[in-house]
Amino acid sequence: MNETLKGLFEVVKQRKEHFEEGSYTCYLFDKGLDKILKKCGEECSEVIIAAKNDNKEDLIGEVADLTYHVLVLLAQWGVDISEVEAVLEERRKKIGNLKTFHVSDHNT
């Protein structure tokens, strides 16, 4: 996993454990899951709008914002980023393996 993401996730986890005055991350943890989820939803919508508006710079910034808020969500749930990385690695290994779809006989 990218060292930048790992480093950011470590900071997020530290903020969860040790309140720091003026920290936006601490603010999110203090407000709880509903606030964190609201921010994830807002950022997801902003990613969609930036992509729809064909604005690469905005898209990059909004994806960064969404990624940060997802890291906060993972920390809130006690999920380590390495767990997500493991799932992604398993999926990466399957690239090129088309799934076989079940074909139903609608005449029976």
PDB file of N, CA and C in Angstrom:
ATOM      1  N   MET A   1       0.864  -1.189   0.000  1.00  0.00           N
ATOM      2  CA  MET A   1       0.000   0.000   0.000  1.00  0.00           C
ATOM      3  C   MET A   1       0.893   1.228   0.000  1.00  0.00           C
ATOM      4  N   ASN A   2       0.421   2.236  -0.625  1.00  0.00           N
ATOM      5  CA  ASN A   2       1.131   3.501  -0.741  1.00  0.00           C
ATOM      6  C   ASN A   2       1.523   4.038   0.641  1.00  0.00           C
ATOM      7  N   GLU A   3       2.775   4.481   0.766  1.00  0.00           N
ATOM      8  CA  GLU A   3       3.270   4.991   2.051  1.00  0.00           C
ATOM      9  C   GLU A   3       2.530   6.248   2.494  1.00  0.00           C
ATOM     10  N   THR A   4       2.084   7.054   1.543  1.00  0.00           N
ATOM     11  CA  THR A   4       1.332   8.257   1.890  1.00  0.00           C
ATOM     12  C   THR A   4       0.024   7.883   2.573  1.00  0.00           C
ATOM     13  N   LEU A   5      -0.689   6.914   2.006  1.00  0.00           N
ATOM     14  CA  LEU A   5      -1.955   6.472   2.617  1.00  0.00           C
ATOM     15  C   LEU A   5      -1.719   5.850   3.985  1.00  0.00           C
ATOM     16  N   LYS A   6      -0.692   5.019   4.081  1.00  0.00           N
ATOM     17  CA  LYS A   6      -0.386   4.396   5.371  1.00  0.00           C
ATOM     18  C   LYS A   6      -0.050   5.456   6.407  1.00  0.00           C
ATOM     19  N   GLY A   7       0.757   6.430   6.010  1.00  0.00           N
ATOM     20  CA  GLY A   7       1.134   7.493   6.939  1.00  0.00           C
ATOM     21  C   GLY A   7      -0.055   8.318   7.381  1.00  0.00           C
ATOM     22  N   LEU A   8      -0.918   8.661   6.430  1.00  0.00           N
ATOM     23  CA  LEU A   8      -2.119   9.418   6.767  1.00  0.00           C
ATOM     24  C   LEU A   8      -3.023   8.612   7.686  1.00  0.00           C
ATOM     25  N   PHE A   9      -3.150   7.323   7.415  1.00  0.00           N
ATOM     26  CA  PHE A   9      -3.995   6.486   8.255  1.00  0.00           C
ATOM     27  C   PHE A   9      -3.448   6.407   9.684  1.00  0.00           C
ATOM     28  N   GLU A  10      -2.134   6.369   9.807  1.00  0.00           N
ATOM     29  CA  GLU A  10      -1.523   6.361  11.150  1.00  0.00           C
ATOM     30  C   GLU A  10      -1.864   7.645  11.905  1.00  0.00           C
ATOM     31  N   VAL A  11      -1.821   8.778  11.217  1.00  0.00           N
ATOM     32  CA  VAL A  11      -2.183  10.052  11.848  1.00  0.00           C
ATOM     33  C   VAL A  11      -3.647  10.019  12.271  1.00  0.00           C
ATOM     34  N   VAL A  12      -4.511   9.519  11.397  1.00  0.00           N
ATOM     35  CA  VAL A  12      -5.940   9.432  11.710  1.00  0.00           C
ATOM     36  C   VAL A  12      -6.150   8.575  12.962  1.00  0.00           C
ATOM     37  N   LYS A  13      -5.488   7.419  13.028  1.00  0.00           N
ATOM     38  CA  LYS A  13      -5.624   6.545  14.204  1.00  0.00           C
ATOM     39  C   LYS A  13      -5.104   7.230  15.469  1.00  0.00           C
ATOM     40  N   GLN A  14      -4.016   7.964  15.357  1.00  0.00           N
ATOM     41  CA  GLN A  14      -3.485   8.689  16.514  1.00  0.00           C
ATOM     42  C   GLN A  14      -4.469   9.735  17.009  1.00  0.00           C
ATOM     43  N   ARG A  15      -5.105  10.419  16.058  1.00  0.00           N
ATOM     44  CA  ARG A  15      -6.091  11.436  16.443  1.00  0.00           C
ATOM     45  C   ARG A  15      -7.288  10.801  17.148  1.00  0.00           C
ATOM     46  N   LYS A  16      -7.621   9.597  16.765  1.00  0.00           N
ATOM     47  CA  LYS A  16      -8.735   8.899  17.420  1.00  0.00           C
ATOM     48  C   LYS A  16      -8.389   8.572  18.875  1.00  0.00           C
ATOM     49  N   GLU A  17      -7.140   8.235  19.097  1.00  0.00           N
ATOM     50  CA  GLU A  17      -6.692   7.841  20.437  1.00  0.00           C
ATOM     51  C   GLU A  17      -6.335   9.036  21.323  1.00  0.00           C
ATOM     52  N   HIS A  18      -5.846  10.113  20.705  1.00  0.00           N
ATOM     53  CA  HIS A  18      -5.336  11.255  21.477  1.00  0.00           C
ATOM     54  C   HIS A  18      -5.905  12.545  20.906  1.00  0.00           C
ATOM     55  N   PHE A  19      -6.858  13.120  21.637  1.00  0.00           N
ATOM     56  CA  PHE A  19      -7.505  14.347  21.187  1.00  0.00           C
ATOM     57  C   PHE A  19      -6.480  15.463  21.047  1.00  0.00           C
ATOM     58  N   GLU A  20      -6.593  16.184  19.952  1.00  0.00           N
ATOM     59  CA  GLU A  20      -5.730  17.333  19.713  1.00  0.00           C
ATOM     60  C   GLU A  20      -6.607  18.526  19.385  1.00  0.00           C
ATOM     61  N   GLU A  21      -6.511  19.571  20.197  1.00  0.00           N
ATOM     62  CA  GLU A  21      -7.320  20.772  20.013  1.00  0.00           C
ATOM     63  C   GLU A  21      -7.130  21.341  18.614  1.00  0.00           C
ATOM     64  N   GLY A  22      -8.237  21.663  17.961  1.00  0.00           N
ATOM     65  CA  GLY A  22      -8.186  22.262  16.637  1.00  0.00           C
ATOM     66  C   GLY A  22      -8.056  21.271  15.498  1.00  0.00           C
ATOM     67  N   SER A  23      -8.001  19.981  15.804  1.00  0.00           N
ATOM     68  CA  SER A  23      -7.857  18.959  14.768  1.00  0.00           C
ATOM     69  C   SER A  23      -9.223  18.633  14.164  1.00  0.00           C
ATOM     70  N   TYR A  24      -9.323  18.755  12.847  1.00  0.00           N
ATOM     71  CA  TYR A  24     -10.559  18.409  12.153  1.00  0.00           C
ATOM     72  C   TYR A  24     -10.865  16.930  12.324  1.00  0.00           C
ATOM     73  N   THR A  25      -9.840  16.099  12.299  1.00  0.00           N
ATOM     74  CA  THR A  25     -10.036  14.659  12.469  1.00  0.00           C
ATOM     75  C   THR A  25     -10.628  14.363  13.847  1.00  0.00           C
ATOM     76  N   CYS A  26     -10.100  15.024  14.872  1.00  0.00           N
ATOM     77  CA  CYS A  26     -10.642  14.841  16.230  1.00  0.00           C
ATOM     78  C   CYS A  26     -12.088  15.313  16.295  1.00  0.00           C
ATOM     79  N   TYR A  27     -12.386  16.402  15.600  1.00  0.00           N
ATOM     80  CA  TYR A  27     -13.755  16.911  15.534  1.00  0.00           C
ATOM     81  C   TYR A  27     -14.689  15.847  14.967  1.00  0.00           C
ATOM     82  N   LEU A  28     -14.263  15.200  13.879  1.00  0.00           N
ATOM     83  CA  LEU A  28     -15.098  14.160  13.268  1.00  0.00           C
ATOM     84  C   LEU A  28     -15.338  13.013  14.240  1.00  0.00           C
ATOM     85  N   PHE A  29     -14.278  12.554  14.909  1.00  0.00           N
ATOM     86  CA  PHE A  29     -14.442  11.457  15.866  1.00  0.00           C
ATOM     87  C   PHE A  29     -15.341  11.872  17.027  1.00  0.00           C
ATOM     88  N   ASP A  30     -15.213  13.113  17.459  1.00  0.00           N
ATOM     89  CA  ASP A  30     -16.041  13.611  18.558  1.00  0.00           C
ATOM     90  C   ASP A  30     -17.516  13.644  18.168  1.00  0.00           C
ATOM     91  N   LYS A  31     -17.810  14.014  16.929  1.00  0.00           N
ATOM     92  CA  LYS A  31     -19.201  14.086  16.464  1.00  0.00           C
ATOM     93  C   LYS A  31     -19.781  12.704  16.189  1.00  0.00           C
ATOM     94  N   GLY A  32     -18.925  11.724  15.896  1.00  0.00           N
ATOM     95  CA  GLY A  32     -19.396  10.353  15.776  1.00  0.00           C
ATOM     96  C   GLY A  32     -19.666   9.875  14.361  1.00  0.00           C
ATOM     97  N   LEU A  33     -20.173   8.661  14.298  1.00  0.00           N
ATOM     98  CA  LEU A  33     -20.364   7.955  13.040  1.00  0.00           C
ATOM     99  C   LEU A  33     -21.283   8.699  12.071  1.00  0.00           C
ATOM    100  N   ASP A  34     -22.361   9.270  12.566  1.00  0.00           N
ATOM    101  CA  ASP A  34     -23.287   9.970  11.666  1.00  0.00           C
ATOM    102  C   ASP A  34     -22.587  11.104  10.922  1.00  0.00           C
ATOM    103  N   LYS A  35     -21.770  11.875  11.618  1.00  0.00           N
ATOM    104  CA  LYS A  35     -21.050  12.991  10.984  1.00  0.00           C
ATOM    105  C   LYS A  35     -20.033  12.453   9.976  1.00  0.00           C
ATOM    106  N   ILE A  36     -19.320  11.404  10.343  1.00  0.00           N
ATOM    107  CA  ILE A  36     -18.332  10.811   9.443  1.00  0.00           C
ATOM    108  C   ILE A  36     -19.009  10.303   8.175  1.00  0.00           C
ATOM    109  N   LEU A  37     -20.125   9.616   8.337  1.00  0.00           N
ATOM    110  CA  LEU A  37     -20.864   9.103   7.182  1.00  0.00           C
ATOM    111  C   LEU A  37     -21.405  10.248   6.316  1.00  0.00           C
ATOM    112  N   LYS A  38     -21.885  11.293   6.949  1.00  0.00           N
ATOM    113  CA  LYS A  38     -22.381  12.454   6.205  1.00  0.00           C
ATOM    114  C   LYS A  38     -21.266  13.041   5.351  1.00  0.00           C
ATOM    115  N   LYS A  39     -20.068  13.164   5.920  1.00  0.00           N
ATOM    116  CA  LYS A  39     -18.941  13.714   5.169  1.00  0.00           C
ATOM    117  C   LYS A  39     -18.533  12.782   4.032  1.00  0.00           C
ATOM    118  N   CYS A  40     -18.564  11.481   4.260  1.00  0.00           N
ATOM    119  CA  CYS A  40     -18.252  10.531   3.176  1.00  0.00           C
ATOM    120  C   CYS A  40     -19.249  10.696   2.034  1.00  0.00           C
ATOM    121  N   GLY A  41     -20.516  10.820   2.372  1.00  0.00           N
ATOM    122  CA  GLY A  41     -21.548  11.008   1.351  1.00  0.00           C
ATOM    123  C   GLY A  41     -21.366  12.304   0.585  1.00  0.00           C
ATOM    124  N   GLU A  42     -21.080  13.381   1.304  1.00  0.00           N
ATOM    125  CA  GLU A  42     -20.857  14.673   0.651  1.00  0.00           C
ATOM    126  C   GLU A  42     -19.669  14.597  -0.304  1.00  0.00           C
ATOM    127  N   GLU A  43     -18.590  14.000   0.164  1.00  0.00           N
ATOM    128  CA  GLU A  43     -17.391  13.923  -0.672  1.00  0.00           C
ATOM    129  C   GLU A  43     -17.625  13.033  -1.889  1.00  0.00           C
ATOM    130  N   CYS A  44     -18.380  11.971  -1.715  1.00  0.00           N
ATOM    131  CA  CYS A  44     -18.705  11.090  -2.836  1.00  0.00           C
ATOM    132  C   CYS A  44     -19.492  11.866  -3.893  1.00  0.00           C
ATOM    133  N   SER A  45     -20.446  12.647  -3.452  1.00  0.00           N
ATOM    134  CA  SER A  45     -21.228  13.471  -4.384  1.00  0.00           C
ATOM    135  C   SER A  45     -20.347  14.477  -5.100  1.00  0.00           C
ATOM    136  N   GLU A  46     -19.394  15.046  -4.389  1.00  0.00           N
ATOM    137  CA  GLU A  46     -18.500  16.030  -4.997  1.00  0.00           C
ATOM    138  C   GLU A  46     -17.568  15.378  -6.019  1.00  0.00           C
ATOM    139  N   VAL A  47     -17.174  14.130  -5.777  1.00  0.00           N
ATOM    140  CA  VAL A  47     -16.384  13.388  -6.771  1.00  0.00           C
ATOM    141  C   VAL A  47     -17.207  13.221  -8.046  1.00  0.00           C
ATOM    142  N   ILE A  48     -18.453  12.846  -7.891  1.00  0.00           N
ATOM    143  CA  ILE A  48     -19.333  12.635  -9.041  1.00  0.00           C
ATOM    144  C   ILE A  48     -19.501  13.929  -9.833  1.00  0.00           C
ATOM    145  N   ILE A  49     -19.732  15.026  -9.138  1.00  0.00           N
ATOM    146  CA  ILE A  49     -19.937  16.309  -9.809  1.00  0.00           C
ATOM    147  C   ILE A  49     -18.659  16.747 -10.540  1.00  0.00           C
ATOM    148  N   ALA A  50     -17.512  16.588  -9.894  1.00  0.00           N
ATOM    149  CA  ALA A  50     -16.247  16.976 -10.538  1.00  0.00           C
ATOM    150  C   ALA A  50     -16.012  16.155 -11.800  1.00  0.00           C
ATOM    151  N   ALA A  51     -16.308  14.865 -11.744  1.00  0.00           N
ATOM    152  CA  ALA A  51     -16.136  14.011 -12.923  1.00  0.00           C
ATOM    153  C   ALA A  51     -17.121  14.403 -14.017  1.00  0.00           C
ATOM    154  N   LYS A  52     -18.366  14.647 -13.630  1.00  0.00           N
ATOM    155  CA  LYS A  52     -19.390  15.047 -14.595  1.00  0.00           C
ATOM    156  C   LYS A  52     -19.033  16.364 -15.257  1.00  0.00           C
ATOM    157  N   ASN A  53     -18.428  17.270 -14.507  1.00  0.00           N
ATOM    158  CA  ASN A  53     -18.063  18.586 -15.029  1.00  0.00           C
ATOM    159  C   ASN A  53     -16.738  18.579 -15.777  1.00  0.00           C
ATOM    160  N   ASP A  54     -16.159  17.391 -15.927  1.00  0.00           N
ATOM    161  CA  ASP A  54     -14.940  17.239 -16.720  1.00  0.00           C
ATOM    162  C   ASP A  54     -13.809  18.126 -16.202  1.00  0.00           C
ATOM    163  N   ASN A  55     -13.665  18.171 -14.862  1.00  0.00           N
ATOM    164  CA  ASN A  55     -12.653  19.018 -14.246  1.00  0.00           C
ATOM    165  C   ASN A  55     -11.647  18.134 -13.512  1.00  0.00           C
ATOM    166  N   LYS A  56     -10.533  17.871 -14.160  1.00  0.00           N
ATOM    167  CA  LYS A  56      -9.537  16.946 -13.618  1.00  0.00           C
ATOM    168  C   LYS A  56      -8.970  17.419 -12.275  1.00  0.00           C
ATOM    169  N   GLU A  57      -8.655  18.697 -12.158  1.00  0.00           N
ATOM    170  CA  GLU A  57      -8.077  19.202 -10.910  1.00  0.00           C
ATOM    171  C   GLU A  57      -9.061  19.057  -9.750  1.00  0.00           C
ATOM    172  N   ASP A  58     -10.319  19.414 -10.000  1.00  0.00           N
ATOM    173  CA  ASP A  58     -11.336  19.239  -8.961  1.00  0.00           C
ATOM    174  C   ASP A  58     -11.521  17.765  -8.624  1.00  0.00           C
ATOM    175  N   LEU A  59     -11.521  16.918  -9.642  1.00  0.00           N
ATOM    176  CA  LEU A  59     -11.685  15.485  -9.420  1.00  0.00           C
ATOM    177  C   LEU A  59     -10.584  14.949  -8.510  1.00  0.00           C
ATOM    178  N   ILE A  60      -9.353  15.331  -8.788  1.00  0.00           N
ATOM    179  CA  ILE A  60      -8.231  14.864  -7.970  1.00  0.00           C
ATOM    180  C   ILE A  60      -8.405  15.316  -6.520  1.00  0.00           C
ATOM    181  N   GLY A  61      -8.747  16.574  -6.330  1.00  0.00           N
ATOM    182  CA  GLY A  61      -8.945  17.085  -4.973  1.00  0.00           C
ATOM    183  C   GLY A  61     -10.087  16.415  -4.243  1.00  0.00           C
ATOM    184  N   GLU A  62     -11.182  16.184  -4.949  1.00  0.00           N
ATOM    185  CA  GLU A  62     -12.347  15.554  -4.314  1.00  0.00           C
ATOM    186  C   GLU A  62     -12.093  14.087  -3.994  1.00  0.00           C
ATOM    187  N   VAL A  63     -11.357  13.388  -4.859  1.00  0.00           N
ATOM    188  CA  VAL A  63     -11.001  12.001  -4.550  1.00  0.00           C
ATOM    189  C   VAL A  63     -10.096  11.961  -3.317  1.00  0.00           C
ATOM    190  N   ALA A  64      -9.192  12.929  -3.211  1.00  0.00           N
ATOM    191  CA  ALA A  64      -8.336  13.005  -2.016  1.00  0.00           C
ATOM    192  C   ALA A  64      -9.189  13.235  -0.763  1.00  0.00           C
ATOM    193  N   ASP A  65     -10.162  14.145  -0.849  1.00  0.00           N
ATOM    194  CA  ASP A  65     -11.053  14.403   0.285  1.00  0.00           C
ATOM    195  C   ASP A  65     -11.840  13.149   0.659  1.00  0.00           C
ATOM    196  N   LEU A  66     -12.383  12.469  -0.340  1.00  0.00           N
ATOM    197  CA  LEU A  66     -13.148  11.244  -0.086  1.00  0.00           C
ATOM    198  C   LEU A  66     -12.260  10.178   0.553  1.00  0.00           C
ATOM    199  N   THR A  67     -11.050  10.031   0.036  1.00  0.00           N
ATOM    200  CA  THR A  67     -10.121   9.035   0.577  1.00  0.00           C
ATOM    201  C   THR A  67      -9.842   9.312   2.048  1.00  0.00           C
ATOM    202  N   TYR A  68      -9.575  10.564   2.377  1.00  0.00           N
ATOM    203  CA  TYR A  68      -9.334  10.936   3.776  1.00  0.00           C
ATOM    204  C   TYR A  68     -10.526  10.564   4.660  1.00  0.00           C
ATOM    205  N   HIS A  69     -11.733  10.926   4.225  1.00  0.00           N
ATOM    206  CA  HIS A  69     -12.911  10.647   5.045  1.00  0.00           C
ATOM    207  C   HIS A  69     -13.174   9.145   5.167  1.00  0.00           C
ATOM    208  N   VAL A  70     -12.864   8.373   4.136  1.00  0.00           N
ATOM    209  CA  VAL A  70     -12.988   6.914   4.223  1.00  0.00           C
ATOM    210  C   VAL A  70     -11.975   6.365   5.230  1.00  0.00           C
ATOM    211  N   LEU A  71     -10.788   6.938   5.281  1.00  0.00           N
ATOM    212  CA  LEU A  71      -9.805   6.508   6.284  1.00  0.00           C
ATOM    213  C   LEU A  71     -10.318   6.786   7.691  1.00  0.00           C
ATOM    214  N   VAL A  72     -10.966   7.925   7.877  1.00  0.00           N
ATOM    215  CA  VAL A  72     -11.564   8.236   9.185  1.00  0.00           C
ATOM    216  C   VAL A  72     -12.642   7.206   9.512  1.00  0.00           C
ATOM    217  N   LEU A  73     -13.463   6.859   8.529  1.00  0.00           N
ATOM    218  CA  LEU A  73     -14.509   5.849   8.731  1.00  0.00           C
ATOM    219  C   LEU A  73     -13.901   4.499   9.130  1.00  0.00           C
ATOM    220  N   LEU A  74     -12.841   4.099   8.444  1.00  0.00           N
ATOM    221  CA  LEU A  74     -12.184   2.835   8.784  1.00  0.00           C
ATOM    222  C   LEU A  74     -11.672   2.856  10.220  1.00  0.00           C
ATOM    223  N   ALA A  75     -11.050   3.952  10.603  1.00  0.00           N
ATOM    224  CA  ALA A  75     -10.534   4.064  11.969  1.00  0.00           C
ATOM    225  C   ALA A  75     -11.668   4.046  12.992  1.00  0.00           C
ATOM    226  N   GLN A  76     -12.764   4.697  12.665  1.00  0.00           N
ATOM    227  CA  GLN A  76     -13.920   4.700  13.576  1.00  0.00           C
ATOM    228  C   GLN A  76     -14.410   3.277  13.832  1.00  0.00           C
ATOM    229  N   TRP A  77     -14.382   2.468  12.793  1.00  0.00           N
ATOM    230  CA  TRP A  77     -14.844   1.089  12.889  1.00  0.00           C
ATOM    231  C   TRP A  77     -13.768   0.133  13.416  1.00  0.00           C
ATOM    232  N   GLY A  78     -12.547   0.619  13.569  1.00  0.00           N
ATOM    233  CA  GLY A  78     -11.460  -0.247  14.031  1.00  0.00           C
ATOM    234  C   GLY A  78     -10.948  -1.175  12.937  1.00  0.00           C
ATOM    235  N   VAL A  79     -11.152  -0.784  11.694  1.00  0.00           N
ATOM    236  CA  VAL A  79     -10.681  -1.560  10.547  1.00  0.00           C
ATOM    237  C   VAL A  79      -9.322  -1.012  10.145  1.00  0.00           C
ATOM    238  N   ASP A  80      -8.333  -1.878  10.033  1.00  0.00           N
ATOM    239  CA  ASP A  80      -7.020  -1.428   9.611  1.00  0.00           C
ATOM    240  C   ASP A  80      -6.957  -1.382   8.087  1.00  0.00           C
ATOM    241  N   ILE A  81      -6.239  -0.423   7.579  1.00  0.00           N
ATOM    242  CA  ILE A  81      -6.119  -0.271   6.133  1.00  0.00           C
ATOM    243  C   ILE A  81      -5.506  -1.518   5.492  1.00  0.00           C
ATOM    244  N   SER A  82      -4.723  -2.260   6.262  1.00  0.00           N
ATOM    245  CA  SER A  82      -4.130  -3.494   5.721  1.00  0.00           C
ATOM    246  C   SER A  82      -5.203  -4.526   5.392  1.00  0.00           C
ATOM    247  N   GLU A  83      -6.333  -4.476   6.088  1.00  0.00           N
ATOM    248  CA  GLU A  83      -7.434  -5.390   5.785  1.00  0.00           C
ATOM    249  C   GLU A  83      -8.042  -5.074   4.422  1.00  0.00           C
ATOM    250  N   VAL A  84      -8.169  -3.800   4.120  1.00  0.00           N
ATOM    251  CA  VAL A  84      -8.678  -3.375   2.818  1.00  0.00           C
ATOM    252  C   VAL A  84      -7.650  -3.730   1.745  1.00  0.00           C
ATOM    253  N   GLU A  85      -6.400  -3.487   2.057  1.00  0.00           N
ATOM    254  CA  GLU A  85      -5.319  -3.816   1.123  1.00  0.00           C
ATOM    255  C   GLU A  85      -5.336  -5.303   0.766  1.00  0.00           C
ATOM    256  N   ALA A  86      -5.577  -6.161   1.749  1.00  0.00           N
ATOM    257  CA  ALA A  86      -5.619  -7.607   1.497  1.00  0.00           C
ATOM    258  C   ALA A  86      -6.746  -7.972   0.538  1.00  0.00           C
ATOM    259  N   VAL A  87      -7.902  -7.356   0.705  1.00  0.00           N
ATOM    260  CA  VAL A  87      -9.028  -7.618  -0.192  1.00  0.00           C
ATOM    261  C   VAL A  87      -8.694  -7.140  -1.606  1.00  0.00           C
ATOM    262  N   LEU A  88      -8.111  -5.947  -1.700  1.00  0.00           N
ATOM    263  CA  LEU A  88      -7.733  -5.429  -3.013  1.00  0.00           C
ATOM    264  C   LEU A  88      -6.697  -6.316  -3.688  1.00  0.00           C
ATOM    265  N   GLU A  89      -5.766  -6.836  -2.912  1.00  0.00           N
ATOM    266  CA  GLU A  89      -4.746  -7.725  -3.482  1.00  0.00           C
ATOM    267  C   GLU A  89      -5.380  -9.002  -4.016  1.00  0.00           C
ATOM    268  N   GLU A  90      -6.320  -9.554  -3.276  1.00  0.00           N
ATOM    269  CA  GLU A  90      -7.020 -10.756  -3.756  1.00  0.00           C
ATOM    270  C   GLU A  90      -7.778 -10.455  -5.048  1.00  0.00           C
ATOM    271  N   ARG A  91      -8.393  -9.305  -5.109  1.00  0.00           N
ATOM    272  CA  ARG A  91      -9.125  -8.923  -6.325  1.00  0.00           C
ATOM    273  C   ARG A  91      -8.164  -8.688  -7.482  1.00  0.00           C
ATOM    274  N   ARG A  92      -7.004  -8.098  -7.191  1.00  0.00           N
ATOM    275  CA  ARG A  92      -6.015  -7.862  -8.238  1.00  0.00           C
ATOM    276  C   ARG A  92      -5.547  -9.169  -8.856  1.00  0.00           C
ATOM    277  N   LYS A  93      -5.407 -10.180  -8.022  1.00  0.00           N
ATOM    278  CA  LYS A  93      -4.967 -11.494  -8.505  1.00  0.00           C
ATOM    279  C   LYS A  93      -5.987 -12.109  -9.461  1.00  0.00           C
ATOM    280  N   LYS A  94      -7.234 -11.697  -9.343  1.00  0.00           N
ATOM    281  CA  LYS A  94      -8.303 -12.270 -10.166  1.00  0.00           C
ATOM    282  C   LYS A  94      -8.511 -11.507 -11.473  1.00  0.00           C
ATOM    283  N   ILE A  95      -7.761 -10.445 -11.682  1.00  0.00           N
ATOM    284  CA  ILE A  95      -7.935  -9.647 -12.899  1.00  0.00           C
ATOM    285  C   ILE A  95      -7.708 -10.543 -14.110  1.00  0.00           C
ATOM    286  N   GLY A  96      -8.618 -10.462 -15.032  1.00  0.00           N
ATOM    287  CA  GLY A  96      -8.528 -11.281 -16.238  1.00  0.00           C
ATOM    288  C   GLY A  96      -9.309 -12.578 -16.136  1.00  0.00           C
ATOM    289  N   ASN A  97      -9.751 -12.923 -14.947  1.00  0.00           N
ATOM    290  CA  ASN A  97     -10.568 -14.126 -14.768  1.00  0.00           C
ATOM    291  C   ASN A  97     -12.035 -13.716 -14.835  1.00  0.00           C
ATOM    292  N   LEU A  98     -12.628 -13.921 -15.976  1.00  0.00           N
ATOM    293  CA  LEU A  98     -14.036 -13.574 -16.123  1.00  0.00           C
ATOM    294  C   LEU A  98     -14.890 -14.533 -15.312  1.00  0.00           C
ATOM    295  N   LYS A  99     -15.878 -13.977 -14.663  1.00  0.00           N
ATOM    296  CA  LYS A  99     -16.809 -14.818 -13.918  1.00  0.00           C
ATOM    297  C   LYS A  99     -17.728 -15.523 -14.895  1.00  0.00           C
ATOM    298  N   THR A 100     -18.089 -16.743 -14.567  1.00  0.00           N
ATOM    299  CA  THR A 100     -19.028 -17.489 -15.385  1.00  0.00           C
ATOM    300  C   THR A 100     -20.427 -17.186 -14.879  1.00  0.00           C
ATOM    301  N   PHE A 101     -21.271 -16.767 -15.797  1.00  0.00           N
ATOM    302  CA  PHE A 101     -22.637 -16.439 -15.424  1.00  0.00           C
ATOM    303  C   PHE A 101     -23.519 -17.658 -15.639  1.00  0.00           C
ATOM    304  N   HIS A 102     -24.432 -17.846 -14.730  1.00  0.00           N
ATOM    305  CA  HIS A 102     -25.395 -18.927 -14.827  1.00  0.00           C
ATOM    306  C   HIS A 102     -26.422 -18.574 -15.898  1.00  0.00           C
ATOM    307  N   VAL A 103     -26.615 -19.460 -16.819  1.00  0.00           N
ATOM    308  CA  VAL A 103     -27.606 -19.230 -17.875  1.00  0.00           C
ATOM    309  C   VAL A 103     -28.853 -20.022 -17.496  1.00  0.00           C
ATOM    310  N   SER A 104     -29.962 -19.297 -17.419  1.00  0.00           N
ATOM    311  CA  SER A 104     -31.215 -19.926 -17.052  1.00  0.00           C
ATOM    312  C   SER A 104     -32.010 -20.297 -18.309  1.00  0.00           C
ATOM    313  N   ASP A 105     -32.678 -21.435 -18.238  1.00  0.00           N
ATOM    314  CA  ASP A 105     -33.575 -21.851 -19.328  1.00  0.00           C
ATOM    315  C   ASP A 105     -34.950 -21.331 -18.967  1.00  0.00           C
ATOM    316  N   HIS A 106     -35.355 -20.276 -19.621  1.00  0.00           N
ATOM    317  CA  HIS A 106     -36.639 -19.649 -19.304  1.00  0.00           C
ATOM    318  C   HIS A 106     -37.821 -20.387 -19.910  1.00  0.00           C
ATOM    319  N   ASN A 107     -37.543 -21.460 -20.669  1.00  0.00           N
ATOM    320  CA  ASN A 107     -38.605 -22.241 -21.290  1.00  0.00           C
ATOM    321  C   ASN A 107     -39.105 -23.374 -20.395  1.00  0.00           C
ATOM    322  N   THR A 108     -38.461 -23.575 -19.257  1.00  0.00           N
ATOM    323  CA  THR A 108     -38.891 -24.663 -18.371  1.00  0.00           C
ATOM    324  C   THR A 108     -39.611 -24.166 -17.170  1.00  0.00           C
TER     325      THR A 108
END
